[in-house]
Amino acid sequence: MSAALKYTLGRIGLFVAVLAALWLVDVDIFLKLILALAFSAALSFFLLRGWRDEMAHEMAEATERRKAEKKRLRDALAGDDEPPTTPPTPPTPPTPTDPQR
């Protein structure tokens, strides 16, 4: 399972748990939702630190791979890539023209 999915599911789970705890309080539903969002965000900052760091590490690795691939493609388009290992094929000779023309 990817770290981003784990972290996202952890955040949703924390929100649901805090909302369930606040369900017992006799206040408006919108206030319960806002409080659950705020408390779950604060709790996730501490409780889900490992998953957040893991997700950030995966994202950084993916960014580095994309940068390396982009550089390789730009170098290839600019002609700065390594020379081909097989010799280039010679051009095809022109076809003879019809003398009648």
PDB file of N, CA and C in Angstrom:
ATOM      1  N   MET A   1       0.857  -1.172   0.000  1.00  0.00           N
ATOM      2  CA  MET A   1       0.000   0.000   0.000  1.00  0.00           C
ATOM      3  C   MET A   1       0.904   1.235   0.000  1.00  0.00           C
ATOM      4  N   SER A   2       0.548   2.200  -0.816  1.00  0.00           N
ATOM      5  CA  SER A   2       1.373   3.399  -0.898  1.00  0.00           C
ATOM      6  C   SER A   2       1.237   4.228   0.375  1.00  0.00           C
ATOM      7  N   ALA A   3       2.272   4.984   0.640  1.00  0.00           N
ATOM      8  CA  ALA A   3       2.282   5.813   1.850  1.00  0.00           C
ATOM      9  C   ALA A   3       1.211   6.897   1.785  1.00  0.00           C
ATOM     10  N   ALA A   4       0.952   7.425   0.611  1.00  0.00           N
ATOM     11  CA  ALA A   4      -0.073   8.465   0.468  1.00  0.00           C
ATOM     12  C   ALA A   4      -1.454   7.904   0.806  1.00  0.00           C
ATOM     13  N   LEU A   5      -1.730   6.685   0.378  1.00  0.00           N
ATOM     14  CA  LEU A   5      -3.016   6.072   0.678  1.00  0.00           C
ATOM     15  C   LEU A   5      -3.143   5.778   2.174  1.00  0.00           C
ATOM     16  N   LYS A   6      -2.059   5.275   2.778  1.00  0.00           N
ATOM     17  CA  LYS A   6      -2.079   5.017   4.215  1.00  0.00           C
ATOM     18  C   LYS A   6      -2.342   6.300   4.998  1.00  0.00           C
ATOM     19  N   TYR A   7      -1.638   7.366   4.636  1.00  0.00           N
ATOM     20  CA  TYR A   7      -1.790   8.633   5.341  1.00  0.00           C
ATOM     21  C   TYR A   7      -3.206   9.195   5.163  1.00  0.00           C
ATOM     22  N   THR A   8      -3.725   9.120   3.941  1.00  0.00           N
ATOM     23  CA  THR A   8      -5.069   9.626   3.674  1.00  0.00           C
ATOM     24  C   THR A   8      -6.111   8.851   4.470  1.00  0.00           C
ATOM     25  N   LEU A   9      -5.995   7.527   4.466  1.00  0.00           N
ATOM     26  CA  LEU A   9      -6.943   6.721   5.236  1.00  0.00           C
ATOM     27  C   LEU A   9      -6.796   6.970   6.734  1.00  0.00           C
ATOM     28  N   GLY A  10      -5.573   7.228   7.194  1.00  0.00           N
ATOM     29  CA  GLY A  10      -5.360   7.564   8.599  1.00  0.00           C
ATOM     30  C   GLY A  10      -6.024   8.876   8.971  1.00  0.00           C
ATOM     31  N   ARG A  11      -5.917   9.863   8.089  1.00  0.00           N
ATOM     32  CA  ARG A  11      -6.565  11.157   8.347  1.00  0.00           C
ATOM     33  C   ARG A  11      -8.072  11.015   8.390  1.00  0.00           C
ATOM     34  N   ILE A  12      -8.627  10.249   7.455  1.00  0.00           N
ATOM     35  CA  ILE A  12     -10.076  10.043   7.436  1.00  0.00           C
ATOM     36  C   ILE A  12     -10.519   9.276   8.678  1.00  0.00           C
ATOM     37  N   GLY A  13      -9.739   8.263   9.058  1.00  0.00           N
ATOM     38  CA  GLY A  13     -10.071   7.496  10.253  1.00  0.00           C
ATOM     39  C   GLY A  13     -10.051   8.341  11.513  1.00  0.00           C
ATOM     40  N   LEU A  14      -9.056   9.208  11.634  1.00  0.00           N
ATOM     41  CA  LEU A  14      -9.005  10.114  12.783  1.00  0.00           C
ATOM     42  C   LEU A  14     -10.204  11.048  12.806  1.00  0.00           C
ATOM     43  N   PHE A  15     -10.561  11.566  11.648  1.00  0.00           N
ATOM     44  CA  PHE A  15     -11.722  12.460  11.575  1.00  0.00           C
ATOM     45  C   PHE A  15     -12.988  11.742  12.033  1.00  0.00           C
ATOM     46  N   VAL A  16     -13.181  10.516  11.549  1.00  0.00           N
ATOM     47  CA  VAL A  16     -14.380   9.761  11.917  1.00  0.00           C
ATOM     48  C   VAL A  16     -14.377   9.448  13.412  1.00  0.00           C
ATOM     49  N   ALA A  17     -13.206   9.095  13.966  1.00  0.00           N
ATOM     50  CA  ALA A  17     -13.124   8.778  15.396  1.00  0.00           C
ATOM     51  C   ALA A  17     -13.441  10.001  16.256  1.00  0.00           C
ATOM     52  N   VAL A  18     -12.897  11.149  15.876  1.00  0.00           N
ATOM     53  CA  VAL A  18     -13.165  12.369  16.648  1.00  0.00           C
ATOM     54  C   VAL A  18     -14.628  12.772  16.493  1.00  0.00           C
ATOM     55  N   LEU A  19     -15.171  12.622  15.297  1.00  0.00           N
ATOM     56  CA  LEU A  19     -16.583  12.953  15.087  1.00  0.00           C
ATOM     57  C   LEU A  19     -17.478  12.031  15.913  1.00  0.00           C
ATOM     58  N   ALA A  20     -17.112  10.763  15.995  1.00  0.00           N
ATOM     59  CA  ALA A  20     -17.900   9.824  16.806  1.00  0.00           C
ATOM     60  C   ALA A  20     -17.847  10.217  18.283  1.00  0.00           C
ATOM     61  N   ALA A  21     -16.676  10.674  18.731  1.00  0.00           N
ATOM     62  CA  ALA A  21     -16.565  11.107  20.126  1.00  0.00           C
ATOM     63  C   ALA A  21     -17.378  12.372  20.379  1.00  0.00           C
ATOM     64  N   LEU A  22     -17.411  13.257  19.390  1.00  0.00           N
ATOM     65  CA  LEU A  22     -18.169  14.504  19.543  1.00  0.00           C
ATOM     66  C   LEU A  22     -19.670  14.294  19.347  1.00  0.00           C
ATOM     67  N   TRP A  23     -20.063  13.146  18.833  1.00  0.00           N
ATOM     68  CA  TRP A  23     -21.476  12.897  18.575  1.00  0.00           C
ATOM     69  C   TRP A  23     -22.290  12.908  19.869  1.00  0.00           C
ATOM     70  N   LEU A  24     -21.596  12.595  20.965  1.00  0.00           N
ATOM     71  CA  LEU A  24     -22.283  12.551  22.259  1.00  0.00           C
ATOM     72  C   LEU A  24     -22.557  13.939  22.829  1.00  0.00           C
ATOM     73  N   VAL A  25     -21.843  14.939  22.309  1.00  0.00           N
ATOM     74  CA  VAL A  25     -22.012  16.313  22.792  1.00  0.00           C
ATOM     75  C   VAL A  25     -23.251  16.913  22.135  1.00  0.00           C
ATOM     76  N   ASP A  26     -24.016  17.649  22.891  1.00  0.00           N
ATOM     77  CA  ASP A  26     -25.263  18.221  22.380  1.00  0.00           C
ATOM     78  C   ASP A  26     -25.014  19.622  21.811  1.00  0.00           C
ATOM     79  N   VAL A  27     -24.491  19.650  20.556  1.00  0.00           N
ATOM     80  CA  VAL A  27     -24.287  20.923  19.840  1.00  0.00           C
ATOM     81  C   VAL A  27     -24.738  20.720  18.396  1.00  0.00           C
ATOM     82  N   ASP A  28     -24.744  21.808  17.647  1.00  0.00           N
ATOM     83  CA  ASP A  28     -25.153  21.780  16.250  1.00  0.00           C
ATOM     84  C   ASP A  28     -24.232  20.854  15.444  1.00  0.00           C
ATOM     85  N   ILE A  29     -24.763  20.199  14.406  1.00  0.00           N
ATOM     86  CA  ILE A  29     -23.993  19.255  13.592  1.00  0.00           C
ATOM     87  C   ILE A  29     -22.832  19.944  12.882  1.00  0.00           C
ATOM     88  N   PHE A  30     -23.026  21.180  12.424  1.00  0.00           N
ATOM     89  CA  PHE A  30     -21.953  21.899  11.732  1.00  0.00           C
ATOM     90  C   PHE A  30     -20.806  22.220  12.690  1.00  0.00           C
ATOM     91  N   LEU A  31     -21.118  22.535  13.912  1.00  0.00           N
ATOM     92  CA  LEU A  31     -20.081  22.777  14.907  1.00  0.00           C
ATOM     93  C   LEU A  31     -19.327  21.481  15.206  1.00  0.00           C
ATOM     94  N   LYS A  32     -20.051  20.366  15.252  1.00  0.00           N
ATOM     95  CA  LYS A  32     -19.390  19.071  15.455  1.00  0.00           C
ATOM     96  C   LYS A  32     -18.418  18.771  14.321  1.00  0.00           C
ATOM     97  N   LEU A  33     -18.842  19.036  13.100  1.00  0.00           N
ATOM     98  CA  LEU A  33     -17.977  18.782  11.942  1.00  0.00           C
ATOM     99  C   LEU A  33     -16.731  19.664  11.967  1.00  0.00           C
ATOM    100  N   ILE A  34     -16.911  20.928  12.295  1.00  0.00           N
ATOM    101  CA  ILE A  34     -15.773  21.856  12.348  1.00  0.00           C
ATOM    102  C   ILE A  34     -14.812  21.454  13.462  1.00  0.00           C
ATOM    103  N   LEU A  35     -15.348  21.121  14.621  1.00  0.00           N
ATOM    104  CA  LEU A  35     -14.493  20.696  15.733  1.00  0.00           C
ATOM    105  C   LEU A  35     -13.776  19.385  15.410  1.00  0.00           C
ATOM    106  N   ALA A  36     -14.477  18.458  14.780  1.00  0.00           N
ATOM    107  CA  ALA A  36     -13.852  17.183  14.404  1.00  0.00           C
ATOM    108  C   ALA A  36     -12.729  17.416  13.404  1.00  0.00           C
ATOM    109  N   LEU A  37     -12.944  18.314  12.473  1.00  0.00           N
ATOM    110  CA  LEU A  37     -11.904  18.633  11.494  1.00  0.00           C
ATOM    111  C   LEU A  37     -10.687  19.247  12.166  1.00  0.00           C
ATOM    112  N   ALA A  38     -10.903  20.197  13.050  1.00  0.00           N
ATOM    113  CA  ALA A  38      -9.789  20.861  13.733  1.00  0.00           C
ATOM    114  C   ALA A  38      -9.034  19.901  14.651  1.00  0.00           C
ATOM    115  N   PHE A  39      -9.753  19.138  15.448  1.00  0.00           N
ATOM    116  CA  PHE A  39      -9.087  18.210  16.369  1.00  0.00           C
ATOM    117  C   PHE A  39      -8.369  17.088  15.631  1.00  0.00           C
ATOM    118  N   SER A  40      -8.985  16.569  14.569  1.00  0.00           N
ATOM    119  CA  SER A  40      -8.327  15.487  13.833  1.00  0.00           C
ATOM    120  C   SER A  40      -7.074  15.992  13.114  1.00  0.00           C
ATOM    121  N   ALA A  41      -7.092  17.236  12.649  1.00  0.00           N
ATOM    122  CA  ALA A  41      -5.895  17.798  12.016  1.00  0.00           C
ATOM    123  C   ALA A  41      -4.762  17.944  13.033  1.00  0.00           C
ATOM    124  N   ALA A  42      -5.107  18.418  14.221  1.00  0.00           N
ATOM    125  CA  ALA A  42      -4.088  18.566  15.261  1.00  0.00           C
ATOM    126  C   ALA A  42      -3.550  17.202  15.704  1.00  0.00           C
ATOM    127  N   LEU A  43      -4.424  16.239  15.866  1.00  0.00           N
ATOM    128  CA  LEU A  43      -3.986  14.903  16.269  1.00  0.00           C
ATOM    129  C   LEU A  43      -3.136  14.235  15.189  1.00  0.00           C
ATOM    130  N   SER A  44      -3.516  14.420  13.939  1.00  0.00           N
ATOM    131  CA  SER A  44      -2.754  13.783  12.862  1.00  0.00           C
ATOM    132  C   SER A  44      -1.353  14.356  12.759  1.00  0.00           C
ATOM    133  N   PHE A  45      -1.186  15.603  13.155  1.00  0.00           N
ATOM    134  CA  PHE A  45       0.147  16.206  13.123  1.00  0.00           C
ATOM    135  C   PHE A  45       1.108  15.418  14.015  1.00  0.00           C
ATOM    136  N   PHE A  46       0.618  14.913  15.118  1.00  0.00           N
ATOM    137  CA  PHE A  46       1.469  14.164  16.043  1.00  0.00           C
ATOM    138  C   PHE A  46       1.386  12.652  15.816  1.00  0.00           C
ATOM    139  N   LEU A  47       0.190  12.129  15.628  1.00  0.00           N
ATOM    140  CA  LEU A  47       0.007  10.685  15.561  1.00  0.00           C
ATOM    141  C   LEU A  47       0.426  10.069  14.220  1.00  0.00           C
ATOM    142  N   LEU A  48       0.311  10.820  13.153  1.00  0.00           N
ATOM    143  CA  LEU A  48       0.603  10.277  11.816  1.00  0.00           C
ATOM    144  C   LEU A  48       1.908  10.808  11.244  1.00  0.00           C
ATOM    145  N   ARG A  49       2.825  11.237  12.106  1.00  0.00           N
ATOM    146  CA  ARG A  49       4.090  11.817  11.639  1.00  0.00           C
ATOM    147  C   ARG A  49       4.887  10.845  10.779  1.00  0.00           C
ATOM    148  N   GLY A  50       4.953   9.589  11.197  1.00  0.00           N
ATOM    149  CA  GLY A  50       5.718   8.589  10.452  1.00  0.00           C
ATOM    150  C   GLY A  50       5.178   8.370   9.051  1.00  0.00           C
ATOM    151  N   TRP A  51       3.862   8.234   8.945  1.00  0.00           N
ATOM    152  CA  TRP A  51       3.267   8.048   7.624  1.00  0.00           C
ATOM    153  C   TRP A  51       3.419   9.287   6.760  1.00  0.00           C
ATOM    154  N   ARG A  52       3.347  10.470   7.376  1.00  0.00           N
ATOM    155  CA  ARG A  52       3.515  11.718   6.621  1.00  0.00           C
ATOM    156  C   ARG A  52       4.936  11.825   6.096  1.00  0.00           C
ATOM    157  N   ASP A  53       5.918  11.475   6.928  1.00  0.00           N
ATOM    158  CA  ASP A  53       7.313  11.514   6.489  1.00  0.00           C
ATOM    159  C   ASP A  53       7.575  10.494   5.385  1.00  0.00           C
ATOM    160  N   GLU A  54       6.978   9.315   5.527  1.00  0.00           N
ATOM    161  CA  GLU A  54       7.124   8.277   4.509  1.00  0.00           C
ATOM    162  C   GLU A  54       6.529   8.740   3.178  1.00  0.00           C
ATOM    163  N   MET A  55       5.366   9.378   3.242  1.00  0.00           N
ATOM    164  CA  MET A  55       4.719   9.901   2.042  1.00  0.00           C
ATOM    165  C   MET A  55       5.574  10.995   1.394  1.00  0.00           C
ATOM    166  N   ALA A  56       6.127  11.880   2.210  1.00  0.00           N
ATOM    167  CA  ALA A  56       6.979  12.949   1.681  1.00  0.00           C
ATOM    168  C   ALA A  56       8.224  12.376   1.020  1.00  0.00           C
ATOM    169  N   HIS A  57       8.776  11.321   1.604  1.00  0.00           N
ATOM    170  CA  HIS A  57       9.967  10.672   1.031  1.00  0.00           C
ATOM    171  C   HIS A  57       9.629  10.047  -0.322  1.00  0.00           C
ATOM    172  N   GLU A  58       8.491   9.369  -0.418  1.00  0.00           N
ATOM    173  CA  GLU A  58       8.080   8.789  -1.693  1.00  0.00           C
ATOM    174  C   GLU A  58       7.846   9.865  -2.749  1.00  0.00           C
ATOM    175  N   MET A  59       7.255  10.975  -2.342  1.00  0.00           N
ATOM    176  CA  MET A  59       7.010  12.054  -3.293  1.00  0.00           C
ATOM    177  C   MET A  59       8.319  12.678  -3.771  1.00  0.00           C
ATOM    178  N   ALA A  60       9.293  12.811  -2.864  1.00  0.00           N
ATOM    179  CA  ALA A  60      10.592  13.367  -3.247  1.00  0.00           C
ATOM    180  C   ALA A  60      11.307  12.440  -4.219  1.00  0.00           C
ATOM    181  N   GLU A  61      11.238  11.135  -3.971  1.00  0.00           N
ATOM    182  CA  GLU A  61      11.867  10.178  -4.891  1.00  0.00           C
ATOM    183  C   GLU A  61      11.222  10.240  -6.272  1.00  0.00           C
ATOM    184  N   ALA A  62       9.905  10.332  -6.311  1.00  0.00           N
ATOM    185  CA  ALA A  62       9.206  10.414  -7.596  1.00  0.00           C
ATOM    186  C   ALA A  62       9.584  11.698  -8.336  1.00  0.00           C
ATOM    187  N   THR A  63       9.737  12.784  -7.601  1.00  0.00           N
ATOM    188  CA  THR A  63      10.149  14.051  -8.222  1.00  0.00           C
ATOM    189  C   THR A  63      11.539  13.936  -8.814  1.00  0.00           C
ATOM    190  N   GLU A  64      12.453  13.303  -8.080  1.00  0.00           N
ATOM    191  CA  GLU A  64      13.816  13.129  -8.589  1.00  0.00           C
ATOM    192  C   GLU A  64      13.830  12.247  -9.831  1.00  0.00           C
ATOM    193  N   ARG A  65      13.022  11.183  -9.841  1.00  0.00           N
ATOM    194  CA  ARG A  65      12.951  10.321 -11.026  1.00  0.00           C
ATOM    195  C   ARG A  65      12.432  11.099 -12.221  1.00  0.00           C
ATOM    196  N   ARG A  66      11.385  11.932 -12.006  1.00  0.00           N
ATOM    197  CA  ARG A  66      10.847  12.725 -13.111  1.00  0.00           C
ATOM    198  C   ARG A  66      11.867  13.729 -13.621  1.00  0.00           C
ATOM    199  N   LYS A  67      12.612  14.359 -12.711  1.00  0.00           N
ATOM    200  CA  LYS A  67      13.634  15.324 -13.136  1.00  0.00           C
ATOM    201  C   LYS A  67      14.724  14.635 -13.945  1.00  0.00           C
ATOM    202  N   ALA A  68      15.167  13.450 -13.511  1.00  0.00           N
ATOM    203  CA  ALA A  68      16.204  12.718 -14.229  1.00  0.00           C
ATOM    204  C   ALA A  68      15.709  12.290 -15.605  1.00  0.00           C
ATOM    205  N   GLU A  69      14.475  11.828 -15.684  1.00  0.00           N
ATOM    206  CA  GLU A  69      13.908  11.415 -16.967  1.00  0.00           C
ATOM    207  C   GLU A  69      13.755  12.614 -17.895  1.00  0.00           C
ATOM    208  N   LYS A  70      13.317  13.749 -17.357  1.00  0.00           N
ATOM    209  CA  LYS A  70      13.177  14.957 -18.170  1.00  0.00           C
ATOM    210  C   LYS A  70      14.537  15.414 -18.701  1.00  0.00           C
ATOM    211  N   LYS A  71      15.568  15.357 -17.846  1.00  0.00           N
ATOM    212  CA  LYS A  71      16.916  15.752 -18.277  1.00  0.00           C
ATOM    213  C   LYS A  71      17.421  14.813 -19.360  1.00  0.00           C
ATOM    214  N   ARG A  72      17.184  13.501 -19.184  1.00  0.00           N
ATOM    215  CA  ARG A  72      17.627  12.531 -20.173  1.00  0.00           C
ATOM    216  C   ARG A  72      16.938  12.781 -21.509  1.00  0.00           C
ATOM    217  N   LEU A  73      15.644  13.059 -21.489  1.00  0.00           N
ATOM    218  CA  LEU A  73      14.926  13.317 -22.736  1.00  0.00           C
ATOM    219  C   LEU A  73      15.377  14.613 -23.397  1.00  0.00           C
ATOM    220  N   ARG A  74      15.600  15.647 -22.601  1.00  0.00           N
ATOM    221  CA  ARG A  74      16.080  16.915 -23.185  1.00  0.00           C
ATOM    222  C   ARG A  74      17.465  16.757 -23.800  1.00  0.00           C
ATOM    223  N   ASP A  75      18.341  15.999 -23.113  1.00  0.00           N
ATOM    224  CA  ASP A  75      19.667  15.750 -23.664  1.00  0.00           C
ATOM    225  C   ASP A  75      19.583  14.957 -24.965  1.00  0.00           C
ATOM    226  N   ALA A  76      18.678  13.993 -25.012  1.00  0.00           N
ATOM    227  CA  ALA A  76      18.512  13.199 -26.221  1.00  0.00           C
ATOM    228  C   ALA A  76      17.988  14.067 -27.365  1.00  0.00           C
ATOM    229  N   LEU A  77      17.065  14.958 -27.075  1.00  0.00           N
ATOM    230  CA  LEU A  77      16.537  15.829 -28.121  1.00  0.00           C
ATOM    231  C   LEU A  77      17.577  16.846 -28.590  1.00  0.00           C
ATOM    232  N   ALA A  78      18.459  17.260 -27.700  1.00  0.00           N
ATOM    233  CA  ALA A  78      19.486  18.235 -28.063  1.00  0.00           C
ATOM    234  C   ALA A  78      20.663  17.576 -28.761  1.00  0.00           C
ATOM    235  N   GLY A  79      20.700  16.243 -28.787  1.00  0.00           N
ATOM    236  CA  GLY A  79      21.805  15.542 -29.426  1.00  0.00           C
ATOM    237  C   GLY A  79      22.981  15.326 -28.500  1.00  0.00           C
ATOM    238  N   ASP A  80      22.807  15.520 -27.213  1.00  0.00           N
ATOM    239  CA  ASP A  80      23.888  15.356 -26.261  1.00  0.00           C
ATOM    240  C   ASP A  80      23.925  13.958 -25.657  1.00  0.00           C
ATOM    241  N   ASP A  81      23.111  13.071 -26.174  1.00  0.00           N
ATOM    242  CA  ASP A  81      23.084  11.735 -25.590  1.00  0.00           C
ATOM    243  C   ASP A  81      24.263  10.919 -26.081  1.00  0.00           C
ATOM    244  N   GLU A  82      24.421   9.727 -25.578  1.00  0.00           N
ATOM    245  CA  GLU A  82      25.537   8.867 -25.956  1.00  0.00           C
ATOM    246  C   GLU A  82      25.392   8.480 -27.415  1.00  0.00           C
ATOM    247  N   PRO A  83      26.539   8.233 -28.099  1.00  0.00           N
ATOM    248  CA  PRO A  83      26.442   7.841 -29.506  1.00  0.00           C
ATOM    249  C   PRO A  83      25.796   6.463 -29.610  1.00  0.00           C
ATOM    250  N   PRO A  84      25.096   6.211 -30.689  1.00  0.00           N
ATOM    251  CA  PRO A  84      24.442   4.917 -30.834  1.00  0.00           C
ATOM    252  C   PRO A  84      25.470   3.794 -30.934  1.00  0.00           C
ATOM    253  N   THR A  85      25.115   2.611 -30.488  1.00  0.00           N
ATOM    254  CA  THR A  85      26.045   1.479 -30.515  1.00  0.00           C
ATOM    255  C   THR A  85      26.081   0.840 -31.887  1.00  0.00           C
ATOM    256  N   THR A  86      25.051   0.998 -32.698  1.00  0.00           N
ATOM    257  CA  THR A  86      25.050   0.450 -34.056  1.00  0.00           C
ATOM    258  C   THR A  86      25.294   1.592 -35.033  1.00  0.00           C
ATOM    259  N   PRO A  87      26.008   1.305 -36.119  1.00  0.00           N
ATOM    260  CA  PRO A  87      26.266   2.382 -37.090  1.00  0.00           C
ATOM    261  C   PRO A  87      24.966   2.789 -37.759  1.00  0.00           C
ATOM    262  N   PRO A  88      24.873   4.041 -38.155  1.00  0.00           N
ATOM    263  CA  PRO A  88      23.653   4.494 -38.820  1.00  0.00           C
ATOM    264  C   PRO A  88      23.496   3.801 -40.162  1.00  0.00           C
ATOM    265  N   THR A  89      22.287   3.603 -40.577  1.00  0.00           N
ATOM    266  CA  THR A  89      22.039   2.968 -41.875  1.00  0.00           C
ATOM    267  C   THR A  89      22.284   3.993 -42.973  1.00  0.00           C
ATOM    268  N   PRO A  90      22.898   3.546 -44.068  1.00  0.00           N
ATOM    269  CA  PRO A  90      23.168   4.500 -45.163  1.00  0.00           C
ATOM    270  C   PRO A  90      21.857   4.921 -45.803  1.00  0.00           C
ATOM    271  N   PRO A  91      21.843   6.114 -46.376  1.00  0.00           N
ATOM    272  CA  PRO A  91      20.611   6.577 -47.029  1.00  0.00           C
ATOM    273  C   PRO A  91      20.320   5.742 -48.262  1.00  0.00           C
ATOM    274  N   THR A  92      19.080   5.622 -48.590  1.00  0.00           N
ATOM    275  CA  THR A  92      18.699   4.856 -49.781  1.00  0.00           C
ATOM    276  C   THR A  92      19.045   5.661 -51.024  1.00  0.00           C
ATOM    277  N   PRO A  93      19.548   4.977 -52.028  1.00  0.00           N
ATOM    278  CA  PRO A  93      19.908   5.721 -53.257  1.00  0.00           C
ATOM    279  C   PRO A  93      18.645   6.232 -53.939  1.00  0.00           C
ATOM    280  N   PRO A  94      18.791   7.354 -54.637  1.00  0.00           N
ATOM    281  CA  PRO A  94      17.618   7.899 -55.328  1.00  0.00           C
ATOM    282  C   PRO A  94      17.182   6.967 -56.457  1.00  0.00           C
ATOM    283  N   THR A  95      15.933   6.950 -56.737  1.00  0.00           N
ATOM    284  CA  THR A  95      15.421   6.112 -57.831  1.00  0.00           C
ATOM    285  C   THR A  95      15.722   6.804 -59.153  1.00  0.00           C
ATOM    286  N   PRO A  96      16.036   6.009 -60.143  1.00  0.00           N
ATOM    287  CA  PRO A  96      16.338   6.629 -61.459  1.00  0.00           C
ATOM    288  C   PRO A  96      15.086   7.308 -62.023  1.00  0.00           C
ATOM    289  N   THR A  97      15.328   8.405 -62.665  1.00  0.00           N
ATOM    290  CA  THR A  97      14.189   9.144 -63.242  1.00  0.00           C
ATOM    291  C   THR A  97      13.893   8.618 -64.622  1.00  0.00           C
ATOM    292  N   ASP A  98      12.695   8.786 -65.049  1.00  0.00           N
ATOM    293  CA  ASP A  98      12.270   8.311 -66.370  1.00  0.00           C
ATOM    294  C   ASP A  98      12.817   9.258 -67.428  1.00  0.00           C
ATOM    295  N   PRO A  99      13.584   8.746 -68.396  1.00  0.00           N
ATOM    296  CA  PRO A  99      14.164   9.655 -69.409  1.00  0.00           C
ATOM    297  C   PRO A  99      13.105  10.300 -70.308  1.00  0.00           C
ATOM    298  N   GLN A 100      11.930   9.783 -70.385  1.00  0.00           N
ATOM    299  CA  GLN A 100      10.866  10.331 -71.202  1.00  0.00           C
ATOM    300  C   GLN A 100      10.388  11.684 -70.682  1.00  0.00           C
ATOM    301  N   ARG A 101      10.594  11.933 -69.449  1.00  0.00           N
ATOM    302  CA  ARG A 101      10.085  13.182 -68.857  1.00  0.00           C
ATOM    303  C   ARG A 101      10.987  14.274 -69.141  1.00  0.00           C
TER     304      ARG A 101
END
